[in-house]
Structure formats: structure tokens, C-alpha cells
Amino acid sequence: MLDFGIAGKTAVVCASSKGLGYGCADALAAVGANLVMNARTPETLAAAAARIRDAHGVEVKEVPADITTPEGRAAVLEAAGHVDILVNNAGGPPPGDFRDWTRETWITALDANMLAAFELIKAVVDPMIDNRFGRIVNITSGSVKSPIAQLGLSNGARAALTGFCAGLARQVAQHNVTVNGLLPGQFNTDRIESLINATAEREGRSSAEVRDTFEQRNPAKRLGEIKEFGFACAWMCSAHSGYLTGQNILIDGGSFNSTM
């Protein structure tokens, strides 16, 4: 079995009670990392933590809190102690027309999708440097590479985080601390089911028809599975991935058509 070299290390995975965050937490636990899992809904988080604990036998602490608030971040960091691996993740802001957005709308989006990650990075990066090991992964969106017009809030906030981390990654790489991004396309999550159902209702089609449309327009002819995304996260956090930094890896089945 491939040894990722992170057994016994502590990983904080935000928004990890379901979806892509859960996939990352499960994959990290499968290679021996202990977890601090966070999400806003206590019952969902407790069930997710129990599944991972039972499946992999690692230590799992659960912290129900809103990671976009100072209090939520403080609770997660206190539970973790020293953090070896940080996986930043938060739900995206809603779609809309930029003409309707106020300063407060933008601040809310930035708090969730840029500033929360920034504050967590700031809290853990110096101890990582001192320990000469750290892995920081930001789950952002495929829209960082291929902006989606109606998701302007997400485009802006996530691109800002990506730009900041591009500079940070080059500052800390010499200390065996890496900073990278994982950019998901469409995966089989609750979020995509909501999008499929909303599209079906809006267009007067069945959910099955809309799902088929989504699948057929992807070169892989399917949507991604959270285990695939989780494995990519675990690989990025591996002790053997120290030469990979400042990168933003798109996992979308080939939807974004580019040679780079």
C-alpha cells in the first residue's frame, strides 16, 4: 500500500460533513491522518465524523461552528492544537446580477470565500514553518480558471484568495510548507442535485433529463465522484508532494478546454 507519509498528522478540514469536504476528510483519514472536522449543522457533522472514525480508526474531533466567523475559527483551532494540514472549504455565494449587489453583499462573499481562509492560514502557517511541514489546500472552484458570469461573487472572492496564495506559496516553499488549490467542476453532491432540480423546474424538464444534459456535455460523460476529489486532496497533502506548490489543479473531467 502506498504510504502518503502523513499518518498521525493533524488535518483540519472545513465544511466536511458532506460533499467535497467530506471526501477530503475521508481520504485523509484513510491514509492515517487524524481529523478536526467542521460544519455548521451538529447532527450532520456528528454522523459524518462517526462514519469516518468507524471506517478508518483515526482520531476525529468534530467542531460544529460557522468557519466564516472569528468564534468559529477559534473553536476549530483550539480543538486542533498544532495543525499539519489545513483544507479550506466553504459554500459558494449565490448567483445573481452584479447590479443588485451592495458593499455588504460583497463583504459577505469575501468573508466566506477569501477572508476566512486567509485568517486560518495566518493562524497555522508559522507553526508549520517551525515544524518544517505543512500542507494548505484551498477548495475553490473551476470558475477561478473559467469564470461563470452569474457567479460573479464567487469569481471575485475565490480569485482574490487564489492570487494571495500564489504569492504566499513562493514565500513558504523553502520550509516544506505548500499552498495549493483544488478547483472542482461538477461533482455528485447535494449542491449539484439542487442545481439540477432548480434547472429542471425553471426549464420545465425532468431532473433526469437535466442530469443527462450535464453528463453528456462533459468529455467524461459523467459527473465526478467525491472519492475522486478526496484522493486528489490526500495526494496534494502527502509528505511526498513537497515540490508541488502554488498550483491550482482543475478536476472537471476535461470540461475546461485548454492546453494549460
Protein backbone atom coordinates (compact mmCIF):
# COMPACT_ATOMS: atom_id res chain seq x y z
CA MET A 1 0.00 0.00 0.00
CA LEU A 2 1.29 3.46 -0.88
CA ASP A 3 2.42 5.35 2.21
CA PHE A 4 1.42 9.01 1.98
CA GLY A 5 3.68 9.83 4.93
CA ILE A 6 1.03 11.72 6.91
CA ALA A 7 -0.21 9.07 9.33
CA GLY A 8 -0.65 10.60 12.77
CA LYS A 9 -0.61 14.17 11.48
CA THR A 10 -3.50 16.51 12.28
CA ALA A 11 -5.70 17.77 9.46
CA VAL A 12 -8.35 20.46 9.77
CA VAL A 13 -11.00 20.06 7.07
CA CYS A 14 -13.60 22.81 6.87
CA ALA A 15 -17.19 22.22 5.72
CA SER A 16 -16.57 18.48 5.87
CA SER A 17 -19.88 16.98 6.93
CA LYS A 18 -20.80 16.21 3.32
CA GLY A 19 -19.85 16.80 -0.28
CA LEU A 20 -16.31 17.53 -1.37
CA GLY A 21 -15.18 18.45 2.13
CA TYR A 22 -16.32 15.07 3.38
CA GLY A 23 -14.50 13.38 0.52
CA CYS A 24 -11.28 15.11 1.53
CA ALA A 25 -11.70 14.24 5.20
CA ASP A 26 -12.43 10.59 4.38
CA ALA A 27 -9.42 10.30 2.08
CA LEU A 28 -7.05 11.91 4.59
CA ALA A 29 -8.31 9.58 7.33
CA ALA A 30 -7.84 6.59 5.01
CA VAL A 31 -4.10 7.36 4.84
CA GLY A 32 -3.84 7.78 8.62
CA ALA A 33 -4.33 11.48 9.32
CA ASN A 34 -6.23 12.48 12.45
CA LEU A 35 -9.03 14.94 11.77
CA VAL A 36 -10.71 18.03 13.06
CA MET A 37 -13.94 18.21 11.09
CA ASN A 38 -16.06 21.32 10.93
CA ALA A 39 -19.53 22.17 9.67
CA ARG A 40 -22.46 24.27 10.82
CA THR A 41 -25.04 21.52 11.44
CA PRO A 42 -24.15 19.45 14.54
CA GLU A 43 -26.21 16.36 13.68
CA THR A 44 -24.89 16.04 10.13
CA LEU A 45 -21.33 16.63 11.31
CA ALA A 46 -21.58 14.06 14.11
CA ALA A 47 -22.86 11.40 11.70
CA ALA A 48 -20.09 12.12 9.19
CA ALA A 49 -17.40 12.03 11.89
CA ALA A 50 -18.73 8.72 13.21
CA ARG A 51 -18.61 7.12 9.75
CA ILE A 52 -15.01 8.16 9.22
CA ARG A 53 -13.98 7.18 12.76
CA ASP A 54 -15.51 3.74 12.37
CA ALA A 55 -14.11 3.19 8.89
CA HIS A 56 -10.51 4.24 9.48
CA GLY A 57 -9.83 4.12 13.22
CA VAL A 58 -8.23 7.57 13.39
CA GLU A 59 -8.91 10.28 15.95
CA VAL A 60 -11.73 12.52 14.77
CA LYS A 61 -12.78 15.69 16.57
CA GLU A 62 -15.89 17.46 15.39
CA VAL A 63 -16.46 21.19 15.85
CA PRO A 64 -19.90 22.45 14.83
CA ALA A 65 -19.35 26.11 14.05
CA ASP A 66 -19.54 28.72 11.32
CA ILE A 67 -15.97 28.88 10.00
CA THR A 68 -16.64 32.30 8.49
CA THR A 69 -16.84 33.84 11.97
CA PRO A 70 -13.94 34.60 14.34
CA GLU A 71 -15.61 32.49 17.03
CA GLY A 72 -15.95 29.52 14.71
CA ARG A 73 -12.32 29.68 13.62
CA ALA A 74 -11.14 30.00 17.23
CA ALA A 75 -13.10 26.90 18.23
CA VAL A 76 -11.66 24.83 15.37
CA LEU A 77 -8.08 25.94 16.06
CA GLU A 78 -8.42 25.28 19.79
CA ALA A 79 -9.67 21.76 19.13
CA ALA A 80 -6.84 21.05 16.72
CA GLY A 81 -3.80 22.30 18.58
CA HIS A 82 -0.93 22.08 16.12
CA VAL A 83 -2.24 21.88 12.54
CA ASP A 84 -0.19 19.97 9.96
CA ILE A 85 -2.76 20.07 7.17
CA LEU A 86 -5.39 22.72 6.51
CA VAL A 87 -8.13 22.22 3.95
CA ASN A 88 -10.08 25.44 3.46
CA ASN A 89 -13.59 24.99 2.16
CA ALA A 90 -16.81 26.99 2.25
CA GLY A 91 -20.02 27.04 0.26
CA GLY A 92 -20.15 29.50 -2.59
CA PRO A 93 -22.21 32.70 -2.60
CA PRO A 94 -25.47 32.77 -4.55
CA PRO A 95 -25.70 33.67 -8.24
CA GLY A 96 -27.08 37.00 -9.33
CA ASP A 97 -26.71 40.22 -11.27
CA PHE A 98 -23.84 42.45 -10.15
CA ARG A 99 -26.12 45.48 -10.43
CA ASP A 100 -28.03 44.22 -7.42
CA TRP A 101 -25.00 43.71 -5.17
CA THR A 102 -24.15 46.16 -2.43
CA ARG A 103 -20.95 46.58 -0.45
CA GLU A 104 -22.48 44.34 2.23
CA THR A 105 -23.15 41.63 -0.38
CA TRP A 106 -19.50 41.69 -1.40
CA ILE A 107 -18.22 41.68 2.17
CA THR A 108 -20.32 38.59 2.95
CA ALA A 109 -18.88 36.78 -0.07
CA LEU A 110 -15.33 37.83 0.79
CA ASP A 111 -15.75 36.78 4.43
CA ALA A 112 -16.82 33.29 3.37
CA ASN A 113 -14.63 32.61 0.36
CA MET A 114 -11.48 34.62 0.96
CA LEU A 115 -11.05 36.14 4.42
CA ALA A 116 -11.99 33.04 6.45
CA ALA A 117 -9.33 31.05 4.62
CA PHE A 118 -6.83 33.89 4.98
CA GLU A 119 -7.35 34.05 8.75
CA LEU A 120 -6.93 30.29 9.15
CA ILE A 121 -3.78 30.32 7.03
CA LYS A 122 -2.38 33.18 9.09
CA ALA A 123 -3.04 31.21 12.29
CA VAL A 124 -1.32 27.99 11.20
CA VAL A 125 1.44 28.89 8.74
CA ASP A 126 4.18 30.00 11.18
CA PRO A 127 3.89 26.85 13.35
CA MET A 128 4.03 24.83 10.14
CA ILE A 129 7.22 26.67 9.17
CA ASP A 130 8.72 25.99 12.61
CA ASN A 131 7.84 22.30 12.24
CA ARG A 132 9.15 22.19 8.67
CA PHE A 133 5.98 20.56 7.44
CA GLY A 134 2.68 21.99 6.32
CA ARG A 135 0.10 21.41 3.64
CA ILE A 136 -2.55 24.04 2.86
CA VAL A 137 -5.21 23.24 0.28
CA ASN A 138 -7.92 25.66 -0.76
CA ILE A 139 -11.03 24.16 -2.32
CA THR A 140 -12.19 26.90 -4.66
CA SER A 141 -13.99 26.42 -7.97
CA GLY A 142 -13.46 25.78 -11.65
CA SER A 143 -14.72 29.33 -12.10
CA VAL A 144 -11.26 30.56 -11.00
CA LYS A 145 -9.98 29.41 -14.40
CA SER A 146 -13.20 29.77 -16.37
CA PRO A 147 -15.43 32.49 -14.83
CA ILE A 148 -19.19 31.99 -14.80
CA ALA A 149 -21.00 35.26 -15.39
CA GLN A 150 -23.85 34.75 -12.93
CA LEU A 151 -21.41 33.66 -10.21
CA GLY A 152 -19.56 36.95 -10.07
CA LEU A 153 -19.35 36.97 -6.28
CA SER A 154 -17.65 33.58 -6.31
CA ASN A 155 -15.43 34.52 -9.25
CA GLY A 156 -14.18 37.60 -7.45
CA ALA A 157 -13.74 36.25 -3.93
CA ARG A 158 -12.14 32.96 -4.94
CA ALA A 159 -9.84 34.60 -7.48
CA ALA A 160 -8.68 37.01 -4.76
CA LEU A 161 -7.81 34.12 -2.45
CA THR A 162 -6.02 32.36 -5.31
CA GLY A 163 -3.95 35.44 -6.08
CA PHE A 164 -2.92 35.92 -2.47
CA CYS A 165 -1.95 32.27 -2.09
CA ALA A 166 0.12 32.35 -5.29
CA GLY A 167 2.45 34.81 -3.61
CA LEU A 168 2.39 33.11 -0.21
CA ALA A 169 3.25 29.72 -1.71
CA ARG A 170 6.57 31.06 -3.02
CA GLN A 171 7.42 32.55 0.36
CA VAL A 172 6.97 29.39 2.41
CA ALA A 173 8.02 26.63 -0.01
CA GLN A 174 11.59 26.57 1.35
CA HIS A 175 10.19 25.43 4.72
CA ASN A 176 8.38 22.37 3.28
CA VAL A 177 5.08 24.20 3.56
CA THR A 178 2.98 24.04 0.41
CA VAL A 179 -0.08 26.05 -0.62
CA ASN A 180 -2.22 24.79 -3.49
CA GLY A 181 -5.75 24.99 -4.83
CA LEU A 182 -8.19 22.29 -5.88
CA LEU A 183 -10.72 23.54 -8.41
CA PRO A 184 -13.78 21.29 -8.76
CA GLY A 185 -16.03 21.05 -11.73
CA GLN A 186 -19.40 19.33 -11.36
CA PHE A 187 -19.47 16.52 -8.81
CA ASN A 188 -22.23 14.32 -7.44
CA THR A 189 -23.02 16.34 -4.33
CA ASP A 190 -26.10 17.81 -2.71
CA ARG A 191 -25.18 21.13 -4.31
CA ILE A 192 -25.32 19.72 -7.85
CA GLU A 193 -28.61 17.98 -7.08
CA SER A 194 -30.05 21.34 -6.04
CA LEU A 195 -28.77 22.90 -9.26
CA ILE A 196 -30.22 20.08 -11.35
CA ASN A 197 -33.61 20.34 -9.67
CA ALA A 198 -33.71 24.13 -9.95
CA THR A 199 -32.77 23.97 -13.63
CA ALA A 200 -35.40 21.32 -14.27
CA GLU A 201 -38.09 23.43 -12.62
CA ARG A 202 -37.04 26.57 -14.48
CA GLU A 203 -36.91 24.86 -17.87
CA GLY A 204 -39.94 22.59 -17.45
CA ARG A 205 -37.86 19.43 -17.80
CA SER A 206 -37.34 16.39 -15.61
CA SER A 207 -34.38 16.21 -13.28
CA ALA A 208 -33.21 13.10 -15.10
CA GLU A 209 -33.15 14.98 -18.39
CA VAL A 210 -31.14 17.84 -16.90
CA ARG A 211 -28.68 15.45 -15.29
CA ASP A 212 -28.22 13.70 -18.64
CA THR A 213 -27.52 17.08 -20.27
CA PHE A 214 -24.88 17.88 -17.66
CA GLU A 215 -23.27 14.47 -18.13
CA GLN A 216 -23.27 14.49 -21.91
CA ARG A 217 -21.63 17.90 -22.21
CA ASN A 218 -18.71 16.68 -20.08
CA PRO A 219 -15.96 14.88 -22.05
CA ALA A 220 -16.03 12.11 -19.42
CA LYS A 221 -19.80 11.76 -20.00
CA ARG A 222 -20.43 11.77 -16.28
CA LEU A 223 -20.14 13.89 -13.18
CA GLY A 224 -17.29 13.47 -10.70
CA GLU A 225 -17.42 11.36 -7.56
CA ILE A 226 -16.39 12.81 -4.21
CA LYS A 227 -13.92 9.96 -3.64
CA GLU A 228 -12.01 11.08 -6.73
CA PHE A 229 -11.78 14.60 -5.39
CA GLY A 230 -10.81 13.36 -1.94
CA PHE A 231 -7.95 11.27 -3.32
CA ALA A 232 -6.57 14.30 -5.14
CA CYS A 233 -6.64 16.24 -1.88
CA ALA A 234 -4.86 13.48 0.03
CA TRP A 235 -2.19 13.27 -2.68
CA MET A 236 -1.70 17.03 -2.54
CA CYS A 237 -1.26 16.77 1.25
CA SER A 238 1.17 13.85 1.06
CA ALA A 239 4.62 14.10 2.58
CA HIS A 240 5.89 13.26 -0.90
CA SER A 241 4.24 16.27 -2.57
CA GLY A 242 6.55 18.94 -1.18
CA TYR A 243 7.68 20.07 -4.64
CA LEU A 244 4.11 20.87 -5.68
CA THR A 245 3.19 24.38 -4.60
CA GLY A 246 1.47 27.47 -5.91
CA GLN A 247 -0.64 25.35 -8.25
CA ASN A 248 -4.37 25.30 -8.95
CA ILE A 249 -5.45 21.92 -10.21
CA LEU A 250 -8.73 21.71 -12.05
CA ILE A 251 -10.68 18.46 -11.60
CA ASP A 252 -13.59 18.63 -14.00
CA GLY A 253 -13.47 15.67 -16.38
CA GLY A 254 -11.97 17.87 -19.08
CA SER A 255 -14.78 20.43 -19.28
CA PHE A 256 -12.39 23.38 -19.36
CA ASN A 257 -10.88 23.20 -22.86
CA SER A 258 -7.27 24.30 -22.61
CA THR A 259 -3.76 23.04 -23.20
CA MET A 260 -2.55 24.58 -19.92
